Amino acid sequence: CWWTHKIRNLHRNDFIMAAKTDALYASLQNI
């Protein structure tokens, strides 16, 4: 899981990694 345990402690990198993961998942679904 890319997310930190506490919502208040989310870092920019968490959002970046989540976006990359979502993009990868979406691309796999389109195959």
N, C-alpha and C. Protein backbone atom coordinates (compact mmCIF):
# COMPACT_ATOMS: atom_id res chain seq x y z
N CYS A 1 0.85 -1.20 0.00
CA CYS A 1 0.00 0.00 0.00
C CYS A 1 0.89 1.25 0.00
N TRP A 2 0.63 2.15 -0.92
CA TRP A 2 1.46 3.35 -1.04
C TRP A 2 1.13 4.39 0.02
N TRP A 3 -0.08 4.32 0.58
CA TRP A 3 -0.53 5.38 1.47
C TRP A 3 0.09 5.28 2.85
N THR A 4 0.31 6.43 3.45
CA THR A 4 0.79 6.47 4.82
C THR A 4 -0.36 6.11 5.74
N HIS A 5 -0.07 5.77 6.97
CA HIS A 5 -1.10 5.31 7.89
C HIS A 5 -2.05 6.42 8.31
N LYS A 6 -1.54 7.62 8.41
CA LYS A 6 -2.37 8.73 8.86
C LYS A 6 -2.65 9.70 7.72
N ILE A 7 -3.92 10.03 7.55
CA ILE A 7 -4.31 10.92 6.46
C ILE A 7 -3.56 12.25 6.54
N ARG A 8 -3.39 12.77 7.74
CA ARG A 8 -2.72 14.06 7.90
C ARG A 8 -1.24 14.00 7.53
N ASN A 9 -0.70 12.80 7.47
CA ASN A 9 0.72 12.66 7.17
C ASN A 9 0.99 12.29 5.72
N LEU A 10 -0.03 12.44 4.88
CA LEU A 10 0.18 12.13 3.47
C LEU A 10 1.23 13.07 2.88
N HIS A 11 2.09 12.50 2.06
CA HIS A 11 3.12 13.29 1.41
C HIS A 11 2.83 13.36 -0.09
N ARG A 12 3.45 14.31 -0.74
CA ARG A 12 3.24 14.47 -2.18
C ARG A 12 3.59 13.18 -2.92
N ASN A 13 4.64 12.50 -2.49
CA ASN A 13 5.06 11.27 -3.15
C ASN A 13 3.97 10.20 -3.09
N ASP A 14 3.20 10.19 -1.99
CA ASP A 14 2.12 9.21 -1.88
C ASP A 14 1.10 9.42 -3.00
N PHE A 15 0.79 10.68 -3.27
CA PHE A 15 -0.17 10.97 -4.33
C PHE A 15 0.41 10.64 -5.70
N ILE A 16 1.70 10.90 -5.87
CA ILE A 16 2.37 10.60 -7.14
C ILE A 16 2.36 9.10 -7.38
N MET A 17 2.73 8.33 -6.38
CA MET A 17 2.77 6.88 -6.54
C MET A 17 1.37 6.32 -6.76
N ALA A 18 0.39 6.88 -6.07
CA ALA A 18 -0.99 6.43 -6.25
C ALA A 18 -1.46 6.70 -7.68
N ALA A 19 -1.10 7.86 -8.19
CA ALA A 19 -1.48 8.22 -9.55
C ALA A 19 -0.83 7.28 -10.55
N LYS A 20 0.44 6.95 -10.33
CA LYS A 20 1.14 6.03 -11.22
C LYS A 20 0.51 4.64 -11.15
N THR A 21 0.16 4.21 -9.95
CA THR A 21 -0.46 2.90 -9.77
C THR A 21 -1.81 2.86 -10.47
N ASP A 22 -2.60 3.92 -10.31
CA ASP A 22 -3.90 3.98 -10.97
C ASP A 22 -3.75 3.95 -12.48
N ALA A 23 -2.75 4.67 -12.99
CA ALA A 23 -2.53 4.72 -14.43
C ALA A 23 -2.10 3.34 -14.94
N LEU A 24 -1.24 2.67 -14.20
CA LEU A 24 -0.79 1.34 -14.59
C LEU A 24 -1.96 0.36 -14.60
N TYR A 25 -2.77 0.40 -13.56
CA TYR A 25 -3.93 -0.47 -13.46
C TYR A 25 -4.89 -0.23 -14.62
N ALA A 26 -5.12 1.04 -14.94
CA ALA A 26 -6.02 1.39 -16.03
C ALA A 26 -5.48 0.87 -17.36
N SER A 27 -4.18 0.99 -17.57
CA SER A 27 -3.58 0.55 -18.82
C SER A 27 -3.67 -0.98 -18.95
N LEU A 28 -3.55 -1.68 -17.83
CA LEU A 28 -3.66 -3.14 -17.86
C LEU A 28 -5.09 -3.56 -18.17
N GLN A 29 -6.06 -2.81 -17.70
CA GLN A 29 -7.46 -3.12 -17.96
C GLN A 29 -7.81 -2.94 -19.43
N ASN A 30 -7.06 -2.09 -20.12
CA ASN A 30 -7.37 -1.79 -21.52
C ASN A 30 -6.73 -2.77 -22.50
N ILE A 31 -5.93 -3.69 -22.00
CA ILE A 31 -5.27 -4.65 -22.89
C ILE A 31 -6.29 -5.69 -23.37
